[in-house]
Amino acid sequence: MSFAETFKALSDPVRREILVLLKGGRMSAGEIGSHFDMTGATISYHLSVLKKADLVWETKEKNFVYYELNTSVVEEIMVWLSELRGGHGNDEV
């Protein structure tokens, strides 16, 4: 995982909202798109950036593509941010 790609992906409010939607479970591209007032191509672009950053997984089933939140990458980011902040529970005096 590249932190640069991850933070680039997280820098856009639409992509952050997509991640919030996926927190509730996997969704098709069409289901995700129904929450936004933008073209399918634009939603595809945002999903592509999230995939490149490993923040979401893509699964193809019949004629649909489903997306899921990659929680392991999200957890890795949270651990890194926690360490940056200086809080790792036992390390504090």
C-alpha atoms as a PDB file:
ATOM      1  CA  MET A   1       0.000   0.000   0.000  1.00  0.00           C
ATOM      2  CA  SER A   2       1.245   3.444  -0.907  1.00  0.00           C
ATOM      3  CA  PHE A   3       0.315   6.130   1.607  1.00  0.00           C
ATOM      4  CA  ALA A   4       0.548   8.705  -1.208  1.00  0.00           C
ATOM      5  CA  GLU A   5      -2.151   6.913  -3.237  1.00  0.00           C
ATOM      6  CA  THR A   6      -4.220   6.320  -0.121  1.00  0.00           C
ATOM      7  CA  PHE A   7      -4.184   9.957   0.954  1.00  0.00           C
ATOM      8  CA  LYS A   8      -4.846  11.098  -2.624  1.00  0.00           C
ATOM      9  CA  ALA A   9      -7.914   8.857  -2.639  1.00  0.00           C
ATOM     10  CA  LEU A  10      -9.045  10.133   0.756  1.00  0.00           C
ATOM     11  CA  SER A  11      -8.559  13.775  -0.232  1.00  0.00           C
ATOM     12  CA  ASP A  12     -11.802  13.868  -2.235  1.00  0.00           C
ATOM     13  CA  PRO A  13     -15.105  14.247  -0.323  1.00  0.00           C
ATOM     14  CA  VAL A  14     -17.011  12.074  -2.840  1.00  0.00           C
ATOM     15  CA  ARG A  15     -14.580   9.199  -2.333  1.00  0.00           C
ATOM     16  CA  ARG A  16     -14.811   9.581   1.445  1.00  0.00           C
ATOM     17  CA  GLU A  17     -18.614   9.421   1.156  1.00  0.00           C
ATOM     18  CA  ILE A  18     -18.337   6.258  -0.974  1.00  0.00           C
ATOM     19  CA  LEU A  19     -16.258   4.663   1.805  1.00  0.00           C
ATOM     20  CA  VAL A  20     -18.912   5.634   4.360  1.00  0.00           C
ATOM     21  CA  LEU A  21     -21.584   4.014   2.169  1.00  0.00           C
ATOM     22  CA  LEU A  22     -19.514   0.835   1.863  1.00  0.00           C
ATOM     23  CA  LYS A  23     -19.134   0.675   5.625  1.00  0.00           C
ATOM     24  CA  GLY A  24     -22.672  -0.716   5.600  1.00  0.00           C
ATOM     25  CA  GLY A  25     -21.721  -3.592   3.293  1.00  0.00           C
ATOM     26  CA  ARG A  26     -20.972  -4.311  -0.322  1.00  0.00           C
ATOM     27  CA  MET A  27     -22.769  -2.353  -3.025  1.00  0.00           C
ATOM     28  CA  SER A  28     -22.937  -2.382  -6.804  1.00  0.00           C
ATOM     29  CA  ALA A  29     -21.606   0.560  -8.776  1.00  0.00           C
ATOM     30  CA  GLY A  30     -25.207   1.480  -9.642  1.00  0.00           C
ATOM     31  CA  GLU A  31     -26.255   1.458  -5.984  1.00  0.00           C
ATOM     32  CA  ILE A  32     -23.305   3.686  -5.109  1.00  0.00           C
ATOM     33  CA  GLY A  33     -24.059   6.011  -8.015  1.00  0.00           C
ATOM     34  CA  SER A  34     -27.682   6.434  -6.922  1.00  0.00           C
ATOM     35  CA  HIS A  35     -26.443   8.401  -3.894  1.00  0.00           C
ATOM     36  CA  PHE A  36     -24.760  11.071  -6.038  1.00  0.00           C
ATOM     37  CA  ASP A  37     -25.806  13.535  -8.713  1.00  0.00           C
ATOM     38  CA  MET A  38     -23.070  12.626 -11.208  1.00  0.00           C
ATOM     39  CA  THR A  39     -22.540  10.439 -14.248  1.00  0.00           C
ATOM     40  CA  GLY A  40     -21.731   6.749 -14.092  1.00  0.00           C
ATOM     41  CA  ALA A  41     -18.358   7.522 -15.666  1.00  0.00           C
ATOM     42  CA  THR A  42     -17.515   9.901 -12.827  1.00  0.00           C
ATOM     43  CA  ILE A  43     -18.525   7.301 -10.208  1.00  0.00           C
ATOM     44  CA  SER A  44     -16.377   4.749 -12.074  1.00  0.00           C
ATOM     45  CA  TYR A  45     -13.426   7.116 -11.914  1.00  0.00           C
ATOM     46  CA  HIS A  46     -13.819   7.573  -8.148  1.00  0.00           C
ATOM     47  CA  LEU A  47     -14.142   3.805  -7.636  1.00  0.00           C
ATOM     48  CA  SER A  48     -11.032   3.273  -9.745  1.00  0.00           C
ATOM     49  CA  VAL A  49      -9.012   5.668  -7.565  1.00  0.00           C
ATOM     50  CA  LEU A  50     -10.263   3.882  -4.427  1.00  0.00           C
ATOM     51  CA  LYS A  51      -9.345   0.497  -5.935  1.00  0.00           C
ATOM     52  CA  LYS A  52      -5.865   1.702  -6.905  1.00  0.00           C
ATOM     53  CA  ALA A  53      -5.338   2.802  -3.298  1.00  0.00           C
ATOM     54  CA  ASP A  54      -6.551  -0.645  -2.095  1.00  0.00           C
ATOM     55  CA  LEU A  55      -9.320   0.991  -0.086  1.00  0.00           C
ATOM     56  CA  VAL A  56     -12.005  -1.063  -1.848  1.00  0.00           C
ATOM     57  CA  TRP A  57     -12.250  -4.517  -3.385  1.00  0.00           C
ATOM     58  CA  GLU A  58     -14.094  -5.269  -6.595  1.00  0.00           C
ATOM     59  CA  THR A  59     -16.012  -8.514  -7.186  1.00  0.00           C
ATOM     60  CA  LYS A  60     -17.711  -9.361 -10.471  1.00  0.00           C
ATOM     61  CA  GLU A  61     -20.871 -11.473 -10.364  1.00  0.00           C
ATOM     62  CA  LYS A  62     -22.797 -12.080 -13.580  1.00  0.00           C
ATOM     63  CA  ASN A  63     -23.559  -8.607 -15.004  1.00  0.00           C
ATOM     64  CA  PHE A  64     -22.761  -6.687 -11.822  1.00  0.00           C
ATOM     65  CA  VAL A  65     -19.634  -5.349 -10.181  1.00  0.00           C
ATOM     66  CA  TYR A  66     -19.747  -5.112  -6.400  1.00  0.00           C
ATOM     67  CA  TYR A  67     -17.481  -3.037  -4.188  1.00  0.00           C
ATOM     68  CA  GLU A  68     -16.492  -3.666  -0.571  1.00  0.00           C
ATOM     69  CA  LEU A  69     -14.509  -1.673   1.941  1.00  0.00           C
ATOM     70  CA  ASN A  70     -11.002  -3.084   2.497  1.00  0.00           C
ATOM     71  CA  THR A  71     -10.963  -2.765   6.271  1.00  0.00           C
ATOM     72  CA  SER A  72      -7.376  -4.007   6.629  1.00  0.00           C
ATOM     73  CA  VAL A  73      -6.040  -0.932   4.787  1.00  0.00           C
ATOM     74  CA  VAL A  74      -8.311   1.361   6.793  1.00  0.00           C
ATOM     75  CA  GLU A  75      -7.036  -0.231  10.019  1.00  0.00           C
ATOM     76  CA  GLU A  76      -3.419   0.167   8.868  1.00  0.00           C
ATOM     77  CA  ILE A  77      -4.004   3.885   8.256  1.00  0.00           C
ATOM     78  CA  MET A  78      -5.625   4.272  11.670  1.00  0.00           C
ATOM     79  CA  VAL A  79      -2.698   2.540  13.401  1.00  0.00           C
ATOM     80  CA  TRP A  80      -0.240   4.784  11.559  1.00  0.00           C
ATOM     81  CA  LEU A  81      -2.193   7.919  12.499  1.00  0.00           C
ATOM     82  CA  SER A  82      -2.392   6.757  16.109  1.00  0.00           C
ATOM     83  CA  GLU A  83       1.377   6.232  16.197  1.00  0.00           C
ATOM     84  CA  LEU A  84       1.899   9.656  14.633  1.00  0.00           C
ATOM     85  CA  ARG A  85      -0.297  11.149  17.326  1.00  0.00           C
ATOM     86  CA  GLY A  86       1.799   9.392  19.935  1.00  0.00           C
ATOM     87  CA  GLY A  87      -0.923   7.208  21.374  1.00  0.00           C
ATOM     88  CA  HIS A  88      -0.252   3.500  21.519  1.00  0.00           C
ATOM     89  CA  GLY A  89      -1.691   2.862  24.955  1.00  0.00           C
ATOM     90  CA  ASN A  90       1.274   1.245  26.712  1.00  0.00           C
ATOM     91  CA  ASP A  91       3.857   3.646  25.265  1.00  0.00           C
ATOM     92  CA  GLU A  92       2.474   6.645  27.141  1.00  0.00           C
ATOM     93  CA  VAL A  93       3.795   7.494  30.601  1.00  0.00           C
END
